[in-house]
Amino acid sequence: MIIHFKKPRHWPDAYLYHWNTMPWAESPAWPGAKMDPEHGDWYRLELPGQETADLVFNDGAGSQTVDLRWRLAEGWCVAGELWETDPDRLRHFAFPGGKLKALVLSFDDGSEQDRRLIERLDAHGLKGTFHINSGLTEGPGKVHAADIATVYAGHEVSGHSTTHPFLDSLAEERLESEILGDIRALERLVGYPVRGLAYPFGVSHPALERLLPEWGLIYGRLVGDTHDFRLPGNPLLWRPSGHQTQALELSRRFLALAPEEPSLLCVWGHSWEINDHQPGNNWGYIEEFCAVMGHRTDIWYAGAGEMAEYLGAMRAVRFSADGHRVYNPSALPVFLRQGGGIVELAPGKTFDLAP
C-alpha cells in the first residue's frame, strides 16, 4: 500500500498514524510514521503488504485530518478526499465541450413540490437529479409512482433507499432491500439504469463502499458540505459544495472563479423546504439562483450520474511514466487541455501531451 498525502502548507511535517489494518499489523506509537517528502507539498509513505487500513494524517504537533478508511493499493489524499489517481493531473482535463465548470443539482425525497422546482429548472436550462424513496411514493405530498417518468422527464431519477432509514443502524442483510431494491423499483418506473443514490439523512453504512460497486452503482451523495468547488475524490462518498440555502452565495463565487482545472458546484436540498419561506429558502431565492446560473455557455449542466461517469473516465486515463502520453481505456470520450485548446480523446485512443 503506497500512500501520498498533500500536506497543508502551514504544517511543518506530515505523519501517518494507522490502525485496524488487514492483514493485521501492530499500530505505531502516536503520531505515527514520519512521511517522506516527494515534491511541493506532497509526502509519501509505504505500508508493505497491507490491503486496508484506518488512517489519520497529522503534523506531530496537534493538527490532524479526519479518520479515513484506505482500500487502495496506491492512492492520494488531499483536503480529506481520497483519489485513485494523482489529483494534480486534473490540470490536463476539461469537462465535455472543453468547459472547466460544471453544475450538479441534487434534491431528495420526491416531494410534490418537485413539479414546481422542475418548471423553474426547465425555464433556465438547468438539470436536476432527484433522489426518490420507491417505497414511499404513494404517501401524502409525494410524486406518485405512476407519474415519476413524466414529472422527471429530462432530469435524472436516482435512489434514496426504499423507506428512508438511518442506514448505519441496519444490519448488512437489510442494505440490499433498502438500496438495491430501491434502484430496481425506480428503474422499472423510468426505463433507464439508475447509477447512484443520496444516502438518507446523509448517513452511509461502512459496507456500502464495497457493496455499491458490486450492485453497479457509481456514486453516493452525502451531506457535510465542502463550501468549495472540488471534485469528489471518491464519488461513493460524495460531499456536495453546499445546501440550497447557500446556493446564491456559492453561485456568485463560482461564476467569479477563473479555474485552472475542472471545478464543480454541487448543490443539494429538498423542494419541500422551499415552502418554509425562510431567508435563502423561498421560491424567490430559488428563482434568482436559477436566473444567475441558467443558460450559460461556460458551464456543463450534468446529472449526478453523468458527472460520476465522466469522473470515472477521467480517472481511468493512463499517463506514461514521463507524463507526456495519455491513453483513454474507458467507453467515454475525455476532454484534454492542450496548448490553450481542447482535444477530445476518444475511447481507446492515445494522445501526446506537450512536454
Protein backbone atom coordinates (compact mmCIF):
# COMPACT_ATOMS: atom_id res chain seq x y z
CA MET A 1 0.00 0.00 0.00
CA ILE A 2 1.51 3.31 -1.15
CA ILE A 3 0.04 6.48 0.35
CA HIS A 4 0.54 10.01 -0.94
CA PHE A 5 -0.60 12.98 1.16
CA LYS A 6 -0.76 16.67 0.22
CA LYS A 7 0.26 18.44 3.41
CA PRO A 8 -1.40 21.72 4.41
CA ARG A 9 1.22 24.38 3.87
CA HIS A 10 1.20 25.54 7.48
CA TRP A 11 2.09 22.05 8.76
CA PRO A 12 5.81 21.71 9.47
CA ASP A 13 5.82 17.94 8.77
CA ALA A 14 3.45 15.10 7.87
CA TYR A 15 2.96 11.95 9.95
CA LEU A 16 0.76 8.94 9.29
CA TYR A 17 -0.87 7.01 12.12
CA HIS A 18 -2.57 3.77 11.06
CA TRP A 19 -4.59 1.03 12.78
CA ASN A 20 -7.11 -1.72 12.03
CA THR A 21 -5.01 -3.00 9.15
CA MET A 22 -5.63 -6.08 7.03
CA PRO A 23 -3.56 -8.20 7.24
CA TRP A 24 -3.22 -7.26 10.90
CA ALA A 25 -0.14 -5.32 11.92
CA GLU A 26 0.73 -3.55 15.15
CA SER A 27 -0.06 0.15 15.15
CA PRO A 28 2.81 2.60 15.70
CA ALA A 29 3.04 4.95 18.64
CA TRP A 30 1.41 8.34 18.08
CA PRO A 31 1.94 10.42 15.95
CA GLY A 32 2.89 7.51 13.69
CA ALA A 33 5.49 7.27 10.96
CA LYS A 34 7.02 10.43 9.56
CA MET A 35 6.21 10.64 5.85
CA ASP A 36 8.86 11.24 3.20
CA PRO A 37 8.71 14.44 1.12
CA GLU A 38 8.08 13.92 -2.61
CA HIS A 39 7.62 17.27 -4.35
CA GLY A 40 5.95 20.51 -3.40
CA ASP A 41 3.56 19.76 -0.51
CA TRP A 42 3.25 16.06 -1.35
CA TYR A 43 4.51 13.41 1.08
CA ARG A 44 4.72 9.63 0.69
CA LEU A 45 4.74 6.52 2.85
CA GLU A 46 4.53 2.83 2.05
CA LEU A 47 2.85 0.18 4.22
CA PRO A 48 4.23 -3.04 2.69
CA GLY A 49 1.83 -5.94 2.48
CA GLN A 50 -1.21 -4.02 3.74
CA GLU A 51 -4.52 -4.11 1.84
CA THR A 52 -6.74 -1.89 4.02
CA ALA A 53 -6.14 0.39 6.98
CA ASP A 54 -7.69 3.18 9.02
CA LEU A 55 -5.53 6.28 8.72
CA VAL A 56 -5.20 9.73 10.17
CA PHE A 57 -2.63 12.25 8.95
CA ASN A 58 -1.18 14.75 11.42
CA ASP A 59 1.63 17.25 11.81
CA GLY A 60 3.04 15.79 15.04
CA ALA A 61 2.06 18.96 16.86
CA GLY A 62 -1.71 18.81 17.40
CA SER A 63 -3.23 19.26 13.92
CA GLN A 64 -4.77 16.26 12.17
CA THR A 65 -7.21 15.17 9.48
CA VAL A 66 -10.41 13.20 9.99
CA ASP A 67 -10.10 9.42 10.20
CA LEU A 68 -10.06 7.74 6.79
CA ARG A 69 -10.53 4.14 5.67
CA TRP A 70 -7.98 3.28 2.97
CA ARG A 71 -8.57 0.47 0.47
CA LEU A 72 -6.24 1.45 -2.38
CA ALA A 73 -3.03 -0.23 -3.49
CA GLU A 74 -1.80 3.29 -4.27
CA GLY A 75 -3.73 6.46 -3.61
CA TRP A 76 -3.55 10.18 -2.97
CA CYS A 77 -5.18 12.20 -0.19
CA VAL A 78 -5.84 15.91 -0.50
CA ALA A 79 -8.25 18.04 1.57
CA GLY A 80 -9.68 14.91 3.18
CA GLU A 81 -10.56 13.28 -0.16
CA LEU A 82 -9.03 10.00 -1.35
CA TRP A 83 -8.04 9.65 -5.01
CA GLU A 84 -7.07 6.63 -7.09
CA THR A 85 -5.03 8.86 -9.42
CA ASP A 86 -2.81 11.85 -8.78
CA PRO A 87 -5.26 14.80 -8.47
CA ASP A 88 -2.57 17.22 -9.66
CA ARG A 89 -3.14 15.76 -13.13
CA LEU A 90 -6.59 17.37 -13.20
CA ARG A 91 -4.98 20.40 -14.82
CA HIS A 92 -4.83 18.38 -18.05
CA PHE A 93 -8.61 17.76 -18.15
CA ALA A 94 -11.80 19.61 -19.00
CA PHE A 95 -15.47 18.71 -18.86
CA PRO A 96 -17.39 17.80 -22.05
CA GLY A 97 -17.24 20.57 -24.59
CA GLY A 98 -13.96 21.80 -23.12
CA LYS A 99 -15.69 23.54 -20.20
CA LEU A 100 -13.94 23.96 -16.86
CA LYS A 101 -17.09 24.49 -14.79
CA ALA A 102 -19.96 22.12 -14.06
CA LEU A 103 -23.17 22.31 -12.04
CA VAL A 104 -24.93 19.38 -10.33
CA LEU A 105 -28.26 19.97 -8.55
CA SER A 106 -29.31 17.18 -6.20
CA PHE A 107 -32.73 17.12 -4.49
CA ASP A 108 -34.06 14.48 -2.11
CA ASP A 109 -37.35 12.82 -1.17
CA GLY A 110 -39.53 13.01 -4.32
CA SER A 111 -41.81 15.70 -2.92
CA GLU A 112 -44.81 17.07 -4.81
CA GLN A 113 -43.04 20.45 -4.85
CA ASP A 114 -40.53 18.92 -7.28
CA ARG A 115 -43.06 19.73 -10.01
CA ARG A 116 -42.76 23.46 -9.39
CA LEU A 117 -38.98 23.24 -8.98
CA ILE A 118 -38.63 21.41 -12.31
CA GLU A 119 -40.65 24.16 -14.01
CA ARG A 120 -38.06 26.70 -12.81
CA LEU A 121 -35.12 24.48 -13.80
CA ASP A 122 -36.56 23.89 -17.26
CA ALA A 123 -37.19 27.60 -17.78
CA HIS A 124 -33.49 28.32 -17.20
CA GLY A 125 -31.98 25.32 -18.99
CA LEU A 126 -30.86 23.60 -15.79
CA LYS A 127 -30.77 19.91 -14.95
CA GLY A 128 -31.63 18.27 -11.65
CA THR A 129 -31.02 14.89 -10.06
CA PHE A 130 -33.96 13.78 -7.91
CA HIS A 131 -33.46 11.10 -5.26
CA ILE A 132 -36.62 9.11 -4.56
CA ASN A 133 -37.73 6.57 -1.96
CA SER A 134 -39.58 3.99 -4.05
CA GLY A 135 -41.43 2.60 -1.02
CA LEU A 136 -42.88 5.98 -0.05
CA THR A 137 -44.19 7.27 -3.38
CA GLU A 138 -47.86 6.78 -2.51
CA GLY A 139 -47.62 8.83 0.67
CA PRO A 140 -49.08 12.33 1.09
CA GLY A 141 -47.11 15.11 -0.57
CA LYS A 142 -45.13 12.74 -2.81
CA VAL A 143 -44.91 12.37 -6.58
CA HIS A 144 -46.74 9.10 -7.12
CA ALA A 145 -45.02 6.19 -8.84
CA ALA A 146 -47.26 6.36 -11.91
CA ASP A 147 -46.21 9.98 -12.51
CA ILE A 148 -42.46 9.71 -11.92
CA ALA A 149 -41.39 9.08 -15.53
CA THR A 150 -43.43 12.06 -16.75
CA VAL A 151 -42.65 14.54 -13.95
CA TYR A 152 -38.90 13.94 -14.06
CA ALA A 153 -38.53 13.67 -17.84
CA GLY A 154 -35.35 15.45 -18.93
CA HIS A 155 -33.85 15.14 -15.45
CA GLU A 156 -32.21 12.27 -13.57
CA VAL A 157 -34.04 9.97 -11.17
CA SER A 158 -31.78 8.45 -8.56
CA GLY A 159 -32.01 6.29 -5.44
CA HIS A 160 -32.64 7.38 -1.87
CA SER A 161 -33.38 3.97 -0.24
CA THR A 162 -36.74 2.23 -0.20
CA THR A 163 -38.04 3.56 3.14
CA HIS A 164 -35.53 6.29 4.21
CA PRO A 165 -33.96 4.63 7.29
CA PHE A 166 -30.72 5.51 9.02
CA LEU A 167 -28.52 3.11 7.06
CA ASP A 168 -25.82 2.93 9.71
CA SER A 169 -28.34 1.36 12.10
CA LEU A 170 -29.17 -1.52 9.75
CA ALA A 171 -27.70 -5.00 9.63
CA GLU A 172 -25.80 -5.54 6.37
CA GLU A 173 -28.50 -8.00 5.25
CA ARG A 174 -31.06 -5.17 5.13
CA LEU A 175 -28.99 -3.00 2.83
CA GLU A 176 -29.82 -4.96 -0.30
CA SER A 177 -33.57 -4.45 0.05
CA GLU A 178 -33.18 -0.79 1.00
CA ILE A 179 -30.63 0.21 -1.64
CA LEU A 180 -30.65 -2.30 -4.47
CA GLY A 181 -34.40 -2.85 -4.06
CA ASP A 182 -34.97 0.89 -4.40
CA ILE A 183 -32.78 1.09 -7.51
CA ARG A 184 -34.58 -1.80 -9.20
CA ALA A 185 -38.00 -0.34 -8.44
CA LEU A 186 -37.01 3.08 -9.82
CA GLU A 187 -35.54 1.54 -12.98
CA ARG A 188 -38.85 -0.17 -13.67
CA LEU A 189 -40.56 3.23 -13.43
CA VAL A 190 -38.16 5.32 -15.54
CA GLY A 191 -36.85 2.73 -18.01
CA TYR A 192 -33.13 3.52 -17.74
CA PRO A 193 -30.25 2.48 -15.43
CA VAL A 194 -30.14 4.30 -12.10
CA ARG A 195 -26.48 4.87 -11.28
CA GLY A 196 -26.40 6.03 -7.66
CA LEU A 197 -28.16 7.48 -4.66
CA ALA A 198 -28.27 10.12 -1.98
CA TYR A 199 -27.87 8.50 1.43
CA PRO A 200 -30.97 9.06 3.58
CA PHE A 201 -30.19 11.60 6.34
CA GLY A 202 -26.80 11.93 4.65
CA VAL A 203 -25.55 8.84 6.51
CA SER A 204 -23.88 5.87 4.82
CA HIS A 205 -23.02 2.39 6.08
CA PRO A 206 -19.45 1.03 6.21
CA ALA A 207 -20.33 -1.89 3.94
CA LEU A 208 -21.73 0.26 1.13
CA GLU A 209 -18.39 1.39 -0.22
CA ARG A 210 -17.85 -2.29 -1.04
CA LEU A 211 -21.43 -3.18 -1.99
CA LEU A 212 -22.38 -0.27 -4.25
CA PRO A 213 -19.84 -1.17 -7.00
CA GLU A 214 -20.97 -4.81 -6.78
CA TRP A 215 -24.51 -3.59 -7.50
CA GLY A 216 -23.36 -1.44 -10.44
CA LEU A 217 -23.72 1.90 -8.63
CA ILE A 218 -21.09 4.58 -9.12
CA TYR A 219 -21.95 7.38 -6.69
CA GLY A 220 -23.42 8.06 -3.29
CA ARG A 221 -24.05 11.62 -2.14
CA LEU A 222 -23.52 12.54 1.49
CA VAL A 223 -24.19 15.78 3.36
CA GLY A 224 -21.41 17.65 5.14
CA ASP A 225 -20.69 20.49 2.75
CA THR A 226 -17.24 21.38 1.42
CA HIS A 227 -18.17 25.05 0.75
CA ASP A 228 -15.87 24.91 -2.26
CA PHE A 229 -15.76 23.55 -5.81
CA ARG A 230 -13.54 20.49 -5.57
CA LEU A 231 -14.34 17.30 -7.42
CA PRO A 232 -15.21 14.34 -5.19
CA GLY A 233 -12.15 12.21 -4.60
CA ASN A 234 -14.41 9.19 -4.05
CA PRO A 235 -17.83 9.55 -5.74
CA LEU A 236 -19.20 6.83 -3.43
CA LEU A 237 -18.66 9.30 -0.57
CA TRP A 238 -19.50 12.50 -2.44
CA ARG A 239 -19.68 15.63 -0.32
CA PRO A 240 -21.55 18.49 -2.05
CA SER A 241 -20.50 22.13 -2.17
CA GLY A 242 -23.46 23.33 -0.12
CA HIS A 243 -27.14 23.26 0.73
CA GLN A 244 -29.75 25.14 -1.31
CA THR A 245 -29.84 27.89 1.34
CA GLN A 246 -26.23 28.69 0.35
CA ALA A 247 -26.81 28.34 -3.38
CA LEU A 248 -26.80 32.01 -4.35
CA GLU A 249 -23.67 32.88 -2.40
CA LEU A 250 -21.88 29.84 -3.79
CA SER A 251 -23.03 30.60 -7.34
CA ARG A 252 -21.58 34.11 -7.23
CA ARG A 253 -18.24 32.80 -6.02
CA PHE A 254 -18.37 30.07 -8.64
CA LEU A 255 -19.08 32.44 -11.53
CA ALA A 256 -16.21 34.71 -10.44
CA LEU A 257 -13.83 31.74 -10.43
CA ALA A 258 -11.17 31.51 -13.14
CA PRO A 259 -10.33 27.81 -12.72
CA GLU A 260 -7.11 26.18 -13.83
CA GLU A 261 -8.73 22.73 -13.61
CA PRO A 262 -12.26 21.28 -13.70
CA SER A 263 -14.39 22.79 -10.92
CA LEU A 264 -17.80 21.65 -9.71
CA LEU A 265 -20.63 23.41 -7.90
CA CYS A 266 -22.85 20.73 -6.34
CA VAL A 267 -25.97 21.99 -4.55
CA TRP A 268 -28.27 19.71 -2.58
CA GLY A 269 -31.56 20.14 -0.77
CA HIS A 270 -35.29 19.41 -0.76
CA SER A 271 -38.02 21.14 -2.72
CA TRP A 272 -40.40 20.87 0.25
CA GLU A 273 -38.08 23.11 2.29
CA ILE A 274 -38.62 25.99 -0.12
CA ASN A 275 -42.19 26.41 1.17
CA ASP A 276 -40.82 27.43 4.58
CA HIS A 277 -40.44 30.98 3.23
CA GLN A 278 -37.22 31.50 5.18
CA PRO A 279 -34.40 33.81 4.01
CA GLY A 280 -32.39 31.88 1.45
CA ASN A 281 -35.05 29.19 1.32
CA ASN A 282 -38.02 30.51 -0.61
CA TRP A 283 -39.21 30.43 -4.19
CA GLY A 284 -37.94 33.93 -4.96
CA TYR A 285 -34.47 32.92 -3.82
CA ILE A 286 -34.55 29.75 -5.93
CA GLU A 287 -35.75 31.74 -8.95
CA GLU A 288 -32.87 34.19 -8.53
CA PHE A 289 -30.37 31.32 -8.30
CA CYS A 290 -31.77 29.70 -11.45
CA ALA A 291 -31.62 33.00 -13.33
CA VAL A 292 -28.00 33.59 -12.28
CA MET A 293 -26.83 30.08 -13.19
CA GLY A 294 -29.01 29.25 -16.18
CA HIS A 295 -28.32 29.39 -19.92
CA ARG A 296 -24.56 29.81 -19.57
CA THR A 297 -22.19 28.59 -22.25
CA ASP A 298 -19.26 28.10 -19.85
CA ILE A 299 -21.00 25.57 -17.57
CA TRP A 300 -21.69 21.88 -18.14
CA TYR A 301 -25.13 21.10 -16.68
CA ALA A 302 -24.88 17.49 -15.58
CA GLY A 303 -26.88 14.96 -13.64
CA ALA A 304 -25.06 13.35 -10.74
CA GLY A 305 -24.83 10.08 -12.68
CA GLU A 306 -23.39 11.82 -15.75
CA MET A 307 -20.82 13.55 -13.57
CA ALA A 308 -19.82 10.34 -11.80
CA GLU A 309 -19.46 8.51 -15.13
CA TYR A 310 -17.26 11.27 -16.55
CA LEU A 311 -15.13 11.41 -13.39
CA GLY A 312 -14.67 7.65 -13.74
CA ALA A 313 -13.48 8.11 -17.31
CA MET A 314 -11.07 10.87 -16.23
CA ARG A 315 -9.62 8.69 -13.50
CA ALA A 316 -9.25 5.78 -15.90
CA VAL A 317 -6.94 7.75 -18.24
CA ARG A 318 -3.44 6.32 -18.10
CA PHE A 319 -0.35 8.52 -18.19
CA SER A 320 3.05 7.35 -19.38
CA ALA A 321 5.91 7.38 -16.88
CA ASP A 322 7.14 10.77 -18.14
CA GLY A 323 3.59 12.17 -18.08
CA HIS A 324 3.67 13.14 -21.77
CA ARG A 325 1.44 10.46 -23.28
CA VAL A 326 -2.12 9.61 -22.25
CA TYR A 327 -4.36 6.67 -23.10
CA ASN A 328 -8.14 6.54 -22.67
CA PRO A 329 -9.27 2.97 -21.83
CA SER A 330 -12.84 4.00 -20.96
CA ALA A 331 -16.00 3.89 -23.09
CA LEU A 332 -16.45 7.69 -22.91
CA PRO A 333 -14.58 10.45 -24.73
CA VAL A 334 -12.42 12.51 -22.40
CA PHE A 335 -11.53 16.16 -22.99
CA LEU A 336 -7.94 17.33 -22.51
CA ARG A 337 -6.41 20.80 -22.40
CA GLN A 338 -3.51 21.21 -24.78
CA GLY A 339 -1.64 24.37 -25.76
CA GLY A 340 -4.56 26.67 -24.99
CA GLY A 341 -7.01 24.43 -26.87
CA ILE A 342 -9.14 21.39 -26.21
CA VAL A 343 -8.56 17.87 -27.52
CA GLU A 344 -11.26 15.20 -27.46
CA LEU A 345 -9.61 11.87 -26.64
CA ALA A 346 -11.87 9.13 -27.98
CA PRO A 347 -12.26 5.76 -26.26
CA GLY A 348 -9.27 3.50 -26.87
CA LYS A 349 -7.10 6.32 -28.24
CA THR A 350 -3.70 7.67 -27.23
CA PHE A 351 -2.53 11.29 -27.34
CA ASP A 352 0.83 13.01 -26.86
CA LEU A 353 0.79 15.98 -24.48
CA ALA A 354 3.32 18.73 -24.98
CA PRO A 355 6.30 18.16 -22.65
